[in-house]
C-alpha atoms as a PDB file:
ATOM      1  CA  UNK A   1     -45.826  -7.904   7.859  1.00  0.00           C
ATOM      2  CA  UNK A   2     -47.276  -4.651   6.475  1.00  0.00           C
ATOM      3  CA  UNK A   3     -50.989  -5.616   6.101  1.00  0.00           C
ATOM      4  CA  UNK A   4     -53.482  -2.748   6.301  1.00  0.00           C
ATOM      5  CA  UNK A   5     -55.554  -4.651   8.860  1.00  0.00           C
ATOM      6  CA  UNK A   6     -52.721  -4.432  11.400  1.00  0.00           C
ATOM      7  CA  UNK A   7     -52.310  -0.741  10.777  1.00  0.00           C
ATOM      8  CA  UNK A   8     -56.026  -0.184  11.216  1.00  0.00           C
ATOM      9  CA  UNK A   9     -56.197  -2.125  14.471  1.00  0.00           C
ATOM     10  CA  UNK A  10     -53.193  -0.599  16.173  1.00  0.00           C
ATOM     11  CA  UNK A  11     -50.915   1.757  14.297  1.00  0.00           C
ATOM     12  CA  UNK A  12     -48.532   2.104  17.199  1.00  0.00           C
ATOM     13  CA  UNK A  13     -47.919  -1.631  17.489  1.00  0.00           C
ATOM     14  CA  UNK A  14     -47.324  -1.930  13.749  1.00  0.00           C
ATOM     15  CA  UNK A  15     -44.850   0.958  13.750  1.00  0.00           C
ATOM     16  CA  UNK A  16     -42.908  -0.577  16.598  1.00  0.00           C
ATOM     17  CA  UNK A  17     -42.944  -3.953  14.839  1.00  0.00           C
ATOM     18  CA  UNK A  18     -41.560  -2.493  11.603  1.00  0.00           C
ATOM     19  CA  UNK A  19     -38.826  -0.639  13.465  1.00  0.00           C
ATOM     20  CA  UNK A  20     -37.927  -3.874  15.229  1.00  0.00           C
ATOM     21  CA  UNK A  21     -37.646  -5.684  11.897  1.00  0.00           C
ATOM     22  CA  UNK A  22     -35.453  -2.937  10.479  1.00  0.00           C
ATOM     23  CA  UNK A  23     -33.187  -3.229  13.488  1.00  0.00           C
ATOM     24  CA  UNK A  24     -32.907  -6.982  13.034  1.00  0.00           C
ATOM     25  CA  UNK A  25     -32.050  -6.550   9.351  1.00  0.00           C
ATOM     26  CA  UNK A  26     -29.131  -4.195  10.039  1.00  0.00           C
ATOM     27  CA  UNK A  27     -27.753  -5.844  13.189  1.00  0.00           C
ATOM     28  CA  UNK A  28     -24.242  -7.146  12.659  1.00  0.00           C
ATOM     29  CA  UNK A  29     -23.337 -10.767  13.180  1.00  0.00           C
ATOM     30  CA  UNK A  30     -19.617 -11.415  13.654  1.00  0.00           C
ATOM     31  CA  UNK A  31     -18.176 -14.825  14.478  1.00  0.00           C
ATOM     32  CA  UNK A  32     -14.512 -14.797  15.503  1.00  0.00           C
ATOM     33  CA  UNK A  33     -12.312 -17.593  14.191  1.00  0.00           C
ATOM     34  CA  UNK A  34      -9.445 -16.263  16.337  1.00  0.00           C
ATOM     35  CA  UNK A  35      -9.965 -13.800  19.205  1.00  0.00           C
ATOM     36  CA  UNK A  36      -7.823 -10.728  19.636  1.00  0.00           C
ATOM     37  CA  UNK A  37      -4.167 -11.583  20.307  1.00  0.00           C
ATOM     38  CA  UNK A  38      -1.054  -9.463  20.592  1.00  0.00           C
ATOM     39  CA  UNK A  39       2.703  -9.777  20.407  1.00  0.00           C
ATOM     40  CA  UNK A  40       5.549  -7.345  21.003  1.00  0.00           C
ATOM     41  CA  UNK A  41       7.867  -6.503  18.100  1.00  0.00           C
ATOM     42  CA  UNK A  42      10.892  -4.244  18.014  1.00  0.00           C
ATOM     43  CA  UNK A  43       8.919  -1.516  16.250  1.00  0.00           C
ATOM     44  CA  UNK A  44       5.687  -1.819  18.245  1.00  0.00           C
ATOM     45  CA  UNK A  45       2.836  -4.076  19.322  1.00  0.00           C
ATOM     46  CA  UNK A  46       1.217  -6.257  16.657  1.00  0.00           C
ATOM     47  CA  UNK A  47      -2.469  -7.107  17.142  1.00  0.00           C
ATOM     48  CA  UNK A  48      -4.144  -9.925  15.225  1.00  0.00           C
ATOM     49  CA  UNK A  49      -7.645 -11.381  15.019  1.00  0.00           C
ATOM     50  CA  UNK A  50      -9.783 -13.174  12.447  1.00  0.00           C
ATOM     51  CA  UNK A  51     -13.436 -13.793  11.674  1.00  0.00           C
ATOM     52  CA  UNK A  52     -15.174 -16.748  10.050  1.00  0.00           C
ATOM     53  CA  UNK A  53     -18.435 -14.905   9.359  1.00  0.00           C
ATOM     54  CA  UNK A  54     -19.470 -11.244   9.117  1.00  0.00           C
ATOM     55  CA  UNK A  55     -22.777  -9.622   8.283  1.00  0.00           C
ATOM     56  CA  UNK A  56     -23.425  -5.855   8.355  1.00  0.00           C
ATOM     57  CA  UNK A  57     -20.058  -5.206  10.016  1.00  0.00           C
ATOM     58  CA  UNK A  58     -18.572  -1.752   9.416  1.00  0.00           C
ATOM     59  CA  UNK A  59     -15.360  -1.087  11.351  1.00  0.00           C
ATOM     60  CA  UNK A  60     -13.003  -2.531  13.912  1.00  0.00           C
ATOM     61  CA  UNK A  61     -11.801   0.271  16.185  1.00  0.00           C
ATOM     62  CA  UNK A  62      -8.624  -0.553  18.124  1.00  0.00           C
ATOM     63  CA  UNK A  63      -8.598   0.922  21.618  1.00  0.00           C
ATOM     64  CA  UNK A  64      -5.771   0.884  24.149  1.00  0.00           C
ATOM     65  CA  UNK A  65      -5.324   1.720  27.804  1.00  0.00           C
ATOM     66  CA  UNK A  66      -2.637   2.094  30.444  1.00  0.00           C
ATOM     67  CA  UNK A  67      -4.788   0.746  33.285  1.00  0.00           C
ATOM     68  CA  UNK A  68      -7.214  -1.615  31.558  1.00  0.00           C
ATOM     69  CA  UNK A  69     -10.138   0.655  32.503  1.00  0.00           C
ATOM     70  CA  UNK A  70      -9.887   3.921  30.593  1.00  0.00           C
ATOM     71  CA  UNK A  71      -9.559   3.241  26.866  1.00  0.00           C
ATOM     72  CA  UNK A  72      -8.977   5.543  23.923  1.00  0.00           C
ATOM     73  CA  UNK A  73      -8.964   5.006  20.163  1.00  0.00           C
ATOM     74  CA  UNK A  74      -5.560   4.315  18.615  1.00  0.00           C
ATOM     75  CA  UNK A  75      -6.599   3.191  15.128  1.00  0.00           C
ATOM     76  CA  UNK A  76      -9.249   1.539  12.980  1.00  0.00           C
ATOM     77  CA  UNK A  77      -9.589  -1.056  10.235  1.00  0.00           C
ATOM     78  CA  UNK A  78     -12.495  -1.442   7.823  1.00  0.00           C
ATOM     79  CA  UNK A  79     -14.512  -4.603   8.365  1.00  0.00           C
ATOM     80  CA  UNK A  80     -15.585  -6.923   5.571  1.00  0.00           C
ATOM     81  CA  UNK A  81     -19.241  -5.939   5.720  1.00  0.00           C
ATOM     82  CA  UNK A  82     -20.226  -9.425   4.654  1.00  0.00           C
ATOM     83  CA  UNK A  83     -18.083 -12.568   4.423  1.00  0.00           C
ATOM     84  CA  UNK A  84     -18.597 -16.258   5.071  1.00  0.00           C
ATOM     85  CA  UNK A  85     -14.945 -17.275   5.011  1.00  0.00           C
ATOM     86  CA  UNK A  86     -11.955 -16.803   7.319  1.00  0.00           C
ATOM     87  CA  UNK A  87     -10.716 -13.214   7.150  1.00  0.00           C
ATOM     88  CA  UNK A  88      -7.621 -12.084   9.043  1.00  0.00           C
ATOM     89  CA  UNK A  89      -6.936  -8.609  10.433  1.00  0.00           C
ATOM     90  CA  UNK A  90      -3.744  -6.981  11.677  1.00  0.00           C
ATOM     91  CA  UNK A  91      -2.932  -3.702  13.368  1.00  0.00           C
ATOM     92  CA  UNK A  92       0.548  -2.452  14.324  1.00  0.00           C
ATOM     93  CA  UNK A  93       0.703   0.025  17.192  1.00  0.00           C
ATOM     94  CA  UNK A  94       3.905   1.971  16.531  1.00  0.00           C
ATOM     95  CA  UNK A  95       3.353   4.257  19.531  1.00  0.00           C
ATOM     96  CA  UNK A  96       3.486   1.483  22.141  1.00  0.00           C
ATOM     97  CA  UNK A  97       6.179   2.728  24.516  1.00  0.00           C
ATOM     98  CA  UNK A  98       4.763   1.920  27.953  1.00  0.00           C
ATOM     99  CA  UNK A  99       5.806  -1.082  30.062  1.00  0.00           C
ATOM    100  CA  UNK A 100       2.352  -2.630  29.771  1.00  0.00           C
ATOM    101  CA  UNK A 101      -0.523  -1.849  27.430  1.00  0.00           C
ATOM    102  CA  UNK A 102      -4.107  -3.088  27.362  1.00  0.00           C
ATOM    103  CA  UNK A 103      -6.049  -3.484  24.120  1.00  0.00           C
ATOM    104  CA  UNK A 104      -9.600  -4.256  23.013  1.00  0.00           C
ATOM    105  CA  UNK A 105     -11.642  -4.121  19.813  1.00  0.00           C
ATOM    106  CA  UNK A 106     -14.768  -2.047  19.379  1.00  0.00           C
ATOM    107  CA  UNK A 107     -16.672  -3.710  16.539  1.00  0.00           C
ATOM    108  CA  UNK A 108     -18.947  -1.087  14.954  1.00  0.00           C
ATOM    109  CA  UNK A 109     -22.048  -2.082  12.951  1.00  0.00           C
ATOM    110  CA  UNK A 110     -23.436  -0.256   9.925  1.00  0.00           C
ATOM    111  CA  UNK A 111     -26.308   1.059  12.077  1.00  0.00           C
ATOM    112  CA  UNK A 112     -23.911   2.561  14.629  1.00  0.00           C
ATOM    113  CA  UNK A 113     -24.293  -0.045  17.371  1.00  0.00           C
ATOM    114  CA  UNK A 114     -21.158  -1.629  18.749  1.00  0.00           C
ATOM    115  CA  UNK A 115     -19.739  -4.595  20.626  1.00  0.00           C
ATOM    116  CA  UNK A 116     -16.473  -5.001  22.546  1.00  0.00           C
ATOM    117  CA  UNK A 117     -13.996  -7.843  22.489  1.00  0.00           C
ATOM    118  CA  UNK A 118     -12.231  -9.225  25.516  1.00  0.00           C
ATOM    119  CA  UNK A 119      -9.320  -7.177  26.861  1.00  0.00           C
ATOM    120  CA  UNK A 120      -5.759  -8.372  26.314  1.00  0.00           C
ATOM    121  CA  UNK A 121      -2.477  -7.041  27.692  1.00  0.00           C
ATOM    122  CA  UNK A 122       1.015  -6.870  26.195  1.00  0.00           C
ATOM    123  CA  UNK A 123       3.994  -6.495  28.495  1.00  0.00           C
ATOM    124  CA  UNK A 124       7.025  -4.744  27.060  1.00  0.00           C
ATOM    125  CA  UNK A 125      10.123  -6.934  27.227  1.00  0.00           C
ATOM    126  CA  UNK A 126      12.301  -5.531  24.454  1.00  0.00           C
ATOM    127  CA  UNK A 127      14.317  -2.367  24.745  1.00  0.00           C
ATOM    128  CA  UNK A 128      12.936   0.320  22.454  1.00  0.00           C
ATOM    129  CA  UNK A 129      15.552   3.014  22.707  1.00  0.00           C
ATOM    130  CA  UNK A 130      15.106   4.575  19.280  1.00  0.00           C
ATOM    131  CA  UNK A 131      12.462   4.967  16.599  1.00  0.00           C
ATOM    132  CA  UNK A 132      12.500   6.115  12.971  1.00  0.00           C
ATOM    133  CA  UNK A 133      10.064   9.029  12.739  1.00  0.00           C
ATOM    134  CA  UNK A 134      10.822  10.449   9.266  1.00  0.00           C
ATOM    135  CA  UNK A 135      12.863   9.703   6.166  1.00  0.00           C
ATOM    136  CA  UNK A 136      13.520  11.064   2.703  1.00  0.00           C
ATOM    137  CA  UNK A 137      12.064   9.470  -0.415  1.00  0.00           C
ATOM    138  CA  UNK A 138      12.930   5.761  -0.608  1.00  0.00           C
ATOM    139  CA  UNK A 139      14.129   6.332  -4.189  1.00  0.00           C
ATOM    140  CA  UNK A 140      17.369   8.294  -3.707  1.00  0.00           C
ATOM    141  CA  UNK A 141      20.133   9.631  -5.921  1.00  0.00           C
ATOM    142  CA  UNK A 142      23.080  10.541  -3.694  1.00  0.00           C
ATOM    143  CA  UNK A 143      22.107  10.529   0.011  1.00  0.00           C
ATOM    144  CA  UNK A 144      19.379   9.038   2.166  1.00  0.00           C
ATOM    145  CA  UNK A 145      18.233  11.077   5.170  1.00  0.00           C
ATOM    146  CA  UNK A 146      16.494   9.599   8.186  1.00  0.00           C
ATOM    147  CA  UNK A 147      15.307  11.217  11.422  1.00  0.00           C
ATOM    148  CA  UNK A 148      15.522   9.113  14.576  1.00  0.00           C
ATOM    149  CA  UNK A 149      13.912   9.793  17.945  1.00  0.00           C
ATOM    150  CA  UNK A 150      16.152   8.559  20.797  1.00  0.00           C
ATOM    151  CA  UNK A 151      14.920   8.205  24.366  1.00  0.00           C
ATOM    152  CA  UNK A 152      18.428   8.787  25.732  1.00  0.00           C
ATOM    153  CA  UNK A 153      22.026   9.308  24.617  1.00  0.00           C
ATOM    154  CA  UNK A 154      23.000   6.203  22.644  1.00  0.00           C
ATOM    155  CA  UNK A 155      25.521   5.052  20.043  1.00  0.00           C
ATOM    156  CA  UNK A 156      23.891   4.120  16.735  1.00  0.00           C
ATOM    157  CA  UNK A 157      25.562   1.806  14.235  1.00  0.00           C
ATOM    158  CA  UNK A 158      24.226   2.036  10.688  1.00  0.00           C
ATOM    159  CA  UNK A 159      25.343  -0.054   7.743  1.00  0.00           C
ATOM    160  CA  UNK A 160      24.576  -0.301   4.039  1.00  0.00           C
ATOM    161  CA  UNK A 161      24.114  -3.641   2.258  1.00  0.00           C
ATOM    162  CA  UNK A 162      23.208  -4.564  -1.292  1.00  0.00           C
ATOM    163  CA  UNK A 163      20.358  -6.940  -2.151  1.00  0.00           C
ATOM    164  CA  UNK A 164      22.790  -9.888  -2.042  1.00  0.00           C
ATOM    165  CA  UNK A 165      23.537  -9.057   1.591  1.00  0.00           C
ATOM    166  CA  UNK A 166      27.120  -7.827   1.020  1.00  0.00           C
ATOM    167  CA  UNK A 167      28.267  -5.166   3.482  1.00  0.00           C
ATOM    168  CA  UNK A 168      29.187  -1.996   1.562  1.00  0.00           C
ATOM    169  CA  UNK A 169      29.768   0.477   4.379  1.00  0.00           C
ATOM    170  CA  UNK A 170      29.377   0.897   8.122  1.00  0.00           C
ATOM    171  CA  UNK A 171      29.502   3.923  10.404  1.00  0.00           C
ATOM    172  CA  UNK A 172      28.615   5.047  13.919  1.00  0.00           C
ATOM    173  CA  UNK A 173      26.909   8.144  15.217  1.00  0.00           C
ATOM    174  CA  UNK A 174      26.088   9.314  18.718  1.00  0.00           C
ATOM    175  CA  UNK A 175      22.407  10.089  19.164  1.00  0.00           C
ATOM    176  CA  UNK A 176      21.130  12.421  21.833  1.00  0.00           C
ATOM    177  CA  UNK A 177      17.762  12.401  23.550  1.00  0.00           C
ATOM    178  CA  UNK A 178      15.175  13.697  21.102  1.00  0.00           C
ATOM    179  CA  UNK A 179      15.329  13.994  17.326  1.00  0.00           C
ATOM    180  CA  UNK A 180      18.548  13.224  15.444  1.00  0.00           C
ATOM    181  CA  UNK A 181      19.329  13.405  11.710  1.00  0.00           C
ATOM    182  CA  UNK A 182      21.364  10.619  10.105  1.00  0.00           C
ATOM    183  CA  UNK A 183      22.630  10.694   6.511  1.00  0.00           C
ATOM    184  CA  UNK A 184      23.761   7.687   4.446  1.00  0.00           C
ATOM    185  CA  UNK A 185      25.919   8.281   1.378  1.00  0.00           C
ATOM    186  CA  UNK A 186      25.033   6.339  -1.807  1.00  0.00           C
ATOM    187  CA  UNK A 187      26.727   8.572  -4.362  1.00  0.00           C
ATOM    188  CA  UNK A 188      29.305   5.951  -5.391  1.00  0.00           C
ATOM    189  CA  UNK A 189      26.838   3.071  -5.500  1.00  0.00           C
ATOM    190  CA  UNK A 190      25.194   1.826  -8.688  1.00  0.00           C
ATOM    191  CA  UNK A 191      21.453   1.707  -9.308  1.00  0.00           C
ATOM    192  CA  UNK A 192      19.557  -0.950  -7.421  1.00  0.00           C
ATOM    193  CA  UNK A 193      17.944  -2.010  -4.143  1.00  0.00           C
ATOM    194  CA  UNK A 194      19.818  -1.519  -0.858  1.00  0.00           C
ATOM    195  CA  UNK A 195      19.233  -2.300   2.808  1.00  0.00           C
ATOM    196  CA  UNK A 196      20.032   0.124   5.617  1.00  0.00           C
ATOM    197  CA  UNK A 197      20.405  -1.519   9.022  1.00  0.00           C
ATOM    198  CA  UNK A 198      20.141   0.662  12.121  1.00  0.00           C
ATOM    199  CA  UNK A 199      21.345  -0.966  15.325  1.00  0.00           C
ATOM    200  CA  UNK A 200      21.706  -0.044  18.999  1.00  0.00           C
ATOM    201  CA  UNK A 201      23.034  -3.007  20.982  1.00  0.00           C
ATOM    202  CA  UNK A 202      20.513  -5.822  20.269  1.00  0.00           C
ATOM    203  CA  UNK A 203      17.805  -3.509  18.944  1.00  0.00           C
ATOM    204  CA  UNK A 204      17.713  -3.369  15.150  1.00  0.00           C
ATOM    205  CA  UNK A 205      15.605  -1.852  12.389  1.00  0.00           C
ATOM    206  CA  UNK A 206      15.983  -2.327   8.640  1.00  0.00           C
ATOM    207  CA  UNK A 207      14.951   0.052   5.856  1.00  0.00           C
ATOM    208  CA  UNK A 208      14.730  -0.794   2.149  1.00  0.00           C
ATOM    209  CA  UNK A 209      15.627   1.891  -0.388  1.00  0.00           C
ATOM    210  CA  UNK A 210      16.380   2.139  -4.104  1.00  0.00           C
ATOM    211  CA  UNK A 211      19.315   4.019  -5.624  1.00  0.00           C
ATOM    212  CA  UNK A 212      18.537   5.764  -8.914  1.00  0.00           C
ATOM    213  CA  UNK A 213      20.865   7.654 -11.213  1.00  0.00           C
ATOM    214  CA  UNK A 214      20.536  11.403 -11.669  1.00  0.00           C
ATOM    215  CA  UNK A 215      17.955  11.941 -14.468  1.00  0.00           C
ATOM    216  CA  UNK A 216      19.872  15.029 -15.639  1.00  0.00           C
ATOM    217  CA  UNK A 217      23.071  12.994 -16.064  1.00  0.00           C
ATOM    218  CA  UNK A 218      21.179  10.286 -17.923  1.00  0.00           C
ATOM    219  CA  UNK A 219      19.822  12.892 -20.316  1.00  0.00           C
ATOM    220  CA  UNK A 220      23.279  14.361 -20.884  1.00  0.00           C
ATOM    221  CA  UNK A 221      24.806  10.958 -21.540  1.00  0.00           C
ATOM    222  CA  UNK A 222      22.055  10.086 -23.983  1.00  0.00           C
ATOM    223  CA  UNK A 223      22.490  13.357 -25.890  1.00  0.00           C
ATOM    224  CA  UNK A 224      26.222  12.841 -26.229  1.00  0.00           C
ATOM    225  CA  UNK A 225      25.622   9.621 -28.162  1.00  0.00           C
ATOM    226  CA  UNK A 226      23.668  11.312 -30.942  1.00  0.00           C
ATOM    227  CA  UNK A 227      25.398  11.046 -34.346  1.00  0.00           C
ATOM    228  CA  UNK A 228      26.943  14.263 -35.584  1.00  0.00           C
ATOM    229  CA  UNK A 229      25.350  15.911 -38.583  1.00  0.00           C
ATOM    230  CA  UNK A 230      27.325  16.231 -41.781  1.00  0.00           C
ATOM    231  CA  UNK A 231      30.838  14.946 -42.566  1.00  0.00           C
END
C-alpha cells in the first residue's frame, strides 16, 4: 500500500489513498441489539438501548427536543470503544417536565464523525408535582434535611421506616410553589439504615439514609470505660 513506485508515479493519488485507508481504520461500526427505547418514571424519563458490536465508538450523546426538529444535548454516556458482546446503556432524564419529549442518540466516533439514531417520543402520563433537588449527607446524626421543588401548593406526606419496613413516624407539611425545606428527625432512632418516603397523592419518592451516632459521644463513652489508675 505504501510502495515507492506508486509515490513516484502519482504522489497525489497515493496521498489520497493513504488518507482513505486511515479513515476506514478509524470509522466506527456499531450494531444495535436493541434500538433506543424510553419509558416514563415518576422521577423522569428512562432511556435504554444496547449494542451487540462496537468498534472505534467513543460516546453516545443523548439529545432531546420539544418539537422533534430542534434538538439539544441533555447528557452523554461513554461508549465501549470495542466490544463483541451485548452491552446495555441507560440514561435517566431527571429534567423531563414537558407533556411530550422527543429523544435521539448521537453516536460519536473516535475520529469525530457521528451518526444519529431514530427519534422516539415519550408522552407524560404521570403527575410530577414535586422533585427532590437537594439533600444533606445521607449519613446523618440527628436530622435529615431535604429541599423539594413544588410546581404548585401541595400537601406533602413524609414518613420514616426502618429497614424491616416498620413505620416509625409520619408527618405532613404544606409545600408552596418553588423551593421548600423539609426536616426529618432521627435523634431518637438507633444506628442503621432507614427509608424516607415522600408522597403527594399517588406520586411517591423514596430516599435511603443511614443514621450514625455522634462520634463525640462515642469517644466520651469509650473514655468513661477506662480503668481508674491506682487503688
